[in-house]
Amino acid sequence: MNTAHRQRDSRIRFDWGLRGAAAIAEGADVAVVVDVLSFTTTLSVALDAGIDVLPYRWRDETAAAHAAAHDAVLAVGRQEMTPGAVSRSPGTIRSARTVERLVLPSPNGSSIAYDLDSRASTCLGASLRNFHAVAEWIARHHPTAVVSVVAAGERWPDGSLRPAVEDLWGTGAVIAGLVDTHGFGSLSPEAEQARAAWNAVAGRVTSALQDCASGRELALIGFADDIAIASEVRRSNCVPILRDHRFVDASGTLPVQALADR
């Protein structure tokens, strides 16, 4: 990979998808994955409910065995739902009552997190619900860190990456939190553009998510509630961190006053 794509001269880096994550993770102290519709939004809802999440590649024939090996429930696709099942749709997580561990596969955010588990010493998950808590945790625990923020994006029918604007906003929110609230500097030009994109929509998140292509797509197939949950800006204080191949909530390591100030 061309070294120009690694953004090595910048403390805060930004790129897209699995290959972009591999490029900017090298030399970074912290990697943050953002997949607003819906992996990291669903992840935040699960951790709020006390459910540990195991990221996995797209739901293939090995996913069920992976879930069984970890005594976990396997999330199904949105349109594969049956009564009592749990899907990648965050609303189904809220109604779950007996789930303790969840394998949450996706071709985007979950696949990136699964890959970063072996590349990054610290891997976090952020959405519009909890970006402030993630930025706070990084500032408290890694005040001099090099941070790589990855927008997961979506997929075209041929499997190629479709840059998704909602993930640009989500990554920009994390970056803005680090820069504007906690004084982090030395942004790559890519990271600066993500920050600017977030600042452009920060006051109208719900309508922006409803109007973007991914939001319209979800509404057309009957999952408008996913957009509403993704629009819950700053509603969650969870800090999803990958430990022992699963996301757990690290927010308990934030000082009590920091949580009270939000």
Protein backbone atom coordinates (compact mmCIF):
# COMPACT_ATOMS: atom_id res chain seq x y z
CA MET A 1 0.00 0.00 0.00
CA ASN A 2 1.28 3.48 -0.89
CA THR A 3 2.62 5.16 2.26
CA ALA A 4 0.91 8.40 1.20
CA HIS A 5 -2.42 6.82 2.11
CA ARG A 6 -1.41 6.10 5.71
CA GLN A 7 -1.67 9.75 6.86
CA ARG A 8 1.35 9.18 9.08
CA ASP A 9 2.06 12.87 9.65
CA SER A 10 -1.34 13.42 11.29
CA ARG A 11 -2.47 12.70 14.82
CA ILE A 12 -6.12 12.30 13.80
CA ARG A 13 -6.71 10.28 10.65
CA PHE A 14 -9.79 9.37 8.64
CA ASP A 15 -10.57 6.88 5.88
CA TRP A 16 -13.26 4.57 4.50
CA GLY A 17 -13.98 0.87 4.71
CA LEU A 18 -11.87 -2.20 5.37
CA ARG A 19 -8.92 -1.17 3.20
CA GLY A 20 -8.95 2.37 4.51
CA ALA A 21 -8.95 1.01 8.07
CA ALA A 22 -5.90 -1.12 7.31
CA ALA A 23 -4.12 1.89 5.84
CA ILE A 24 -4.58 4.31 8.72
CA ALA A 25 -4.45 1.81 11.61
CA GLU A 26 -0.69 1.38 11.21
CA GLY A 27 1.03 3.33 13.97
CA ALA A 28 -2.22 4.48 15.56
CA ASP A 29 -2.87 4.06 19.29
CA VAL A 30 -6.67 4.01 19.00
CA ALA A 31 -8.98 3.01 16.14
CA VAL A 32 -12.63 4.04 16.11
CA VAL A 33 -15.19 2.33 13.85
CA VAL A 34 -18.35 4.24 12.84
CA ASP A 35 -21.32 2.57 11.12
CA VAL A 36 -24.36 4.71 11.91
CA LEU A 37 -26.96 2.65 9.98
CA SER A 38 -26.60 0.46 11.81
CA PHE A 39 -23.77 -1.65 13.33
CA THR A 40 -22.37 0.84 15.83
CA THR A 41 -25.82 2.22 16.65
CA THR A 42 -27.00 -1.33 17.37
CA LEU A 43 -23.78 -1.93 19.31
CA SER A 44 -24.49 1.04 21.59
CA VAL A 45 -28.06 -0.11 22.20
CA ALA A 46 -26.82 -3.61 23.07
CA LEU A 47 -24.23 -2.35 25.55
CA ASP A 48 -26.81 -0.04 27.13
CA ALA A 49 -28.85 -3.20 27.73
CA GLY A 50 -25.88 -5.03 29.27
CA ILE A 51 -25.28 -7.25 26.23
CA ASP A 52 -21.71 -8.00 25.13
CA VAL A 53 -21.26 -7.95 21.34
CA LEU A 54 -18.94 -10.17 19.31
CA PRO A 55 -18.20 -8.63 15.90
CA TYR A 56 -17.97 -11.01 12.98
CA ARG A 57 -17.66 -11.00 9.23
CA TRP A 58 -20.79 -11.11 7.10
CA ARG A 59 -23.23 -13.79 8.19
CA ASP A 60 -21.89 -16.84 6.34
CA GLU A 61 -21.94 -20.55 7.15
CA THR A 62 -19.35 -20.10 9.93
CA ALA A 63 -21.28 -17.48 11.91
CA ALA A 64 -23.59 -19.94 13.67
CA ALA A 65 -20.64 -22.06 14.78
CA HIS A 66 -18.88 -18.92 16.04
CA ALA A 67 -21.94 -17.97 18.08
CA ALA A 68 -22.28 -21.50 19.50
CA ALA A 69 -18.61 -21.59 20.47
CA HIS A 70 -19.07 -18.42 22.52
CA ASP A 71 -22.48 -19.30 23.98
CA ALA A 72 -23.95 -16.33 22.15
CA VAL A 73 -27.07 -15.50 20.16
CA LEU A 74 -26.55 -14.94 16.43
CA ALA A 75 -28.26 -11.82 15.06
CA VAL A 76 -30.16 -12.44 11.83
CA GLY A 77 -30.66 -10.07 8.92
CA ARG A 78 -33.42 -7.47 9.18
CA GLN A 79 -35.64 -9.25 6.71
CA GLU A 80 -35.05 -12.70 8.22
CA MET A 81 -36.81 -11.87 11.47
CA THR A 82 -39.01 -14.44 13.17
CA PRO A 83 -40.85 -13.99 16.50
CA GLY A 84 -38.38 -13.82 19.37
CA ALA A 85 -35.31 -13.44 17.16
CA VAL A 86 -32.75 -10.65 17.35
CA SER A 87 -31.57 -8.87 14.21
CA ARG A 88 -29.11 -6.15 13.24
CA SER A 89 -31.98 -3.70 13.69
CA PRO A 90 -31.40 -1.86 17.02
CA GLY A 91 -35.09 -1.95 17.92
CA THR A 92 -34.99 -5.74 18.28
CA ILE A 93 -32.15 -5.39 20.80
CA ARG A 94 -34.27 -3.11 22.95
CA SER A 95 -37.01 -5.68 23.14
CA ALA A 96 -34.66 -8.62 23.87
CA ARG A 97 -34.91 -9.95 27.41
CA THR A 98 -32.59 -12.95 27.82
CA VAL A 99 -29.58 -12.15 25.62
CA GLU A 100 -26.20 -11.84 27.35
CA ARG A 101 -23.85 -12.20 24.38
CA LEU A 102 -24.63 -11.39 20.77
CA VAL A 103 -22.75 -12.20 17.57
CA LEU A 104 -23.51 -9.23 15.33
CA PRO A 105 -22.25 -9.83 11.78
CA SER A 106 -22.25 -7.22 9.04
CA PRO A 107 -20.26 -6.68 5.85
CA ASN A 108 -19.31 -3.18 6.96
CA GLY A 109 -18.79 -2.00 10.55
CA SER A 110 -18.64 -5.44 12.14
CA SER A 111 -16.22 -6.78 9.52
CA ILE A 112 -13.96 -3.77 10.03
CA ALA A 113 -13.99 -4.20 13.82
CA TYR A 114 -13.29 -7.92 13.41
CA ASP A 115 -10.25 -7.09 11.29
CA LEU A 116 -9.02 -4.27 13.54
CA ASP A 117 -9.10 -6.62 16.52
CA SER A 118 -5.77 -7.99 15.25
CA ARG A 119 -4.36 -4.65 14.04
CA ALA A 120 -5.15 -2.05 16.70
CA SER A 121 -4.17 -2.12 20.35
CA THR A 122 -7.41 -0.29 21.19
CA CYS A 123 -10.53 -0.51 19.03
CA LEU A 124 -13.70 1.44 19.89
CA GLY A 125 -17.15 1.71 18.32
CA ALA A 126 -18.95 5.04 17.95
CA SER A 127 -22.28 6.27 16.64
CA LEU A 128 -24.23 9.50 16.91
CA ARG A 129 -25.67 8.16 20.18
CA ASN A 130 -22.31 7.93 21.99
CA PHE A 131 -19.59 9.81 20.08
CA HIS A 132 -19.19 12.27 22.97
CA ALA A 133 -18.52 9.45 25.45
CA VAL A 134 -15.98 7.85 23.10
CA ALA A 135 -14.14 11.16 22.64
CA GLU A 136 -14.16 11.71 26.41
CA TRP A 137 -12.75 8.24 27.05
CA ILE A 138 -9.95 8.72 24.54
CA ALA A 139 -9.05 12.11 26.01
CA ARG A 140 -8.98 10.68 29.55
CA HIS A 141 -7.11 7.46 28.84
CA HIS A 142 -5.02 8.30 25.74
CA PRO A 143 -4.43 12.08 25.87
CA THR A 144 -1.46 11.90 23.50
CA ALA A 145 -2.86 9.21 21.20
CA VAL A 146 -2.73 8.96 17.45
CA VAL A 147 -6.38 8.23 16.55
CA SER A 148 -7.66 6.61 13.36
CA VAL A 149 -11.39 7.06 12.74
CA VAL A 150 -12.96 4.77 10.13
CA ALA A 151 -16.25 5.33 8.32
CA ALA A 152 -17.62 1.89 7.47
CA GLY A 153 -19.72 2.88 4.47
CA GLU A 154 -22.20 0.61 2.73
CA ARG A 155 -22.06 -1.79 -0.25
CA TRP A 156 -23.25 -1.54 -3.79
CA PRO A 157 -24.93 -4.68 -5.19
CA ASP A 158 -21.61 -5.78 -6.70
CA GLY A 159 -19.99 -5.70 -3.25
CA SER A 160 -17.90 -2.57 -3.82
CA LEU A 161 -17.74 0.17 -1.20
CA ARG A 162 -20.46 2.83 -1.24
CA PRO A 163 -19.31 5.82 0.84
CA ALA A 164 -22.33 6.60 3.04
CA VAL A 165 -22.76 10.19 4.19
CA GLU A 166 -24.19 9.20 7.58
CA ASP A 167 -20.88 7.54 8.44
CA LEU A 168 -19.02 10.67 7.33
CA TRP A 169 -21.15 12.62 9.82
CA GLY A 170 -20.55 10.07 12.58
CA THR A 171 -16.79 10.07 12.11
CA GLY A 172 -16.86 13.85 11.96
CA ALA A 173 -18.72 13.95 15.27
CA VAL A 174 -15.99 11.87 16.95
CA ILE A 175 -13.28 14.05 15.44
CA ALA A 176 -15.07 17.26 16.42
CA GLY A 177 -15.39 15.95 19.97
CA LEU A 178 -11.66 15.29 20.15
CA VAL A 179 -10.72 18.64 18.60
CA ASP A 180 -13.36 21.10 19.81
CA THR A 181 -13.91 19.71 23.30
CA HIS A 182 -10.59 18.11 24.18
CA GLY A 183 -8.06 20.12 22.19
CA PHE A 184 -6.65 17.39 19.97
CA GLY A 185 -4.83 18.79 16.94
CA SER A 186 -2.91 17.79 13.82
CA LEU A 187 -5.79 16.58 11.67
CA SER A 188 -5.21 15.08 8.26
CA PRO A 189 -7.07 16.92 5.47
CA GLU A 190 -9.41 13.91 5.29
CA ALA A 191 -10.21 14.17 9.01
CA GLU A 192 -10.77 17.92 8.71
CA GLN A 193 -13.35 17.37 5.98
CA ALA A 194 -15.21 14.81 8.10
CA ARG A 195 -15.31 17.30 10.97
CA ALA A 196 -16.69 19.98 8.63
CA ALA A 197 -19.37 17.61 7.36
CA TRP A 198 -20.56 16.94 10.91
CA ASN A 199 -20.64 20.63 11.80
CA ALA A 200 -22.84 21.22 8.74
CA VAL A 201 -25.60 18.87 9.97
CA ALA A 202 -25.18 18.85 13.76
CA GLY A 203 -28.32 20.94 14.26
CA ARG A 204 -30.58 18.84 12.00
CA VAL A 205 -29.51 15.24 12.48
CA THR A 206 -32.92 13.57 12.28
CA SER A 207 -33.94 15.17 8.99
CA ALA A 208 -30.48 14.60 7.51
CA LEU A 209 -30.58 10.89 8.35
CA GLN A 210 -34.11 10.58 6.99
CA ASP A 211 -33.18 12.28 3.72
CA CYS A 212 -29.84 10.57 3.00
CA ALA A 213 -29.74 7.57 0.67
CA SER A 214 -29.23 4.98 3.43
CA GLY A 215 -32.09 6.43 5.48
CA ARG A 216 -34.44 6.41 2.50
CA GLU A 217 -33.44 2.84 1.74
CA LEU A 218 -34.25 1.71 5.31
CA ALA A 219 -37.59 3.52 5.27
CA LEU A 220 -38.55 1.89 1.96
CA ILE A 221 -38.03 -1.61 3.40
CA GLY A 222 -39.95 -0.81 6.59
CA PHE A 223 -37.20 0.08 9.08
CA ALA A 224 -37.75 3.79 9.70
CA ASP A 225 -37.44 3.08 13.44
CA ASP A 226 -33.73 2.33 12.88
CA ILE A 227 -33.29 5.91 11.69
CA ALA A 228 -35.05 7.28 14.76
CA ILE A 229 -32.75 5.32 17.08
CA ALA A 230 -29.65 6.36 15.12
CA SER A 231 -30.80 9.98 15.56
CA GLU A 232 -30.64 9.81 19.37
CA VAL A 233 -27.66 12.17 19.55
CA ARG A 234 -25.67 11.90 22.81
CA ARG A 235 -28.35 9.62 24.31
CA SER A 236 -25.87 6.90 25.34
CA ASN A 237 -22.80 7.16 27.57
CA CYS A 238 -21.46 3.72 26.65
CA VAL A 239 -17.90 3.31 25.37
CA PRO A 240 -17.70 0.09 23.30
CA ILE A 241 -14.18 -1.34 23.46
CA LEU A 242 -12.94 -4.61 21.99
CA ARG A 243 -11.54 -6.86 24.69
CA ASP A 244 -10.96 -10.60 24.23
CA HIS A 245 -12.70 -10.45 20.82
CA ARG A 246 -15.90 -8.87 22.15
CA PHE A 247 -17.18 -5.35 22.65
CA VAL A 248 -17.78 -4.47 26.29
CA ASP A 249 -18.64 -1.14 27.89
CA ALA A 250 -15.60 0.78 29.17
CA SER A 251 -17.58 3.81 30.37
CA GLY A 252 -17.19 2.65 33.96
CA THR A 253 -13.53 3.68 33.70
CA LEU A 254 -14.53 7.31 33.22
CA PRO A 255 -14.50 9.47 36.39
CA VAL A 256 -17.93 9.93 37.94
CA GLN A 257 -17.74 13.71 37.47
CA ALA A 258 -17.07 13.34 33.77
CA LEU A 259 -20.28 11.32 33.38
CA ALA A 260 -22.23 13.77 35.54
CA ASP A 261 -21.11 16.73 33.40
CA ARG A 262 -22.72 15.39 30.22
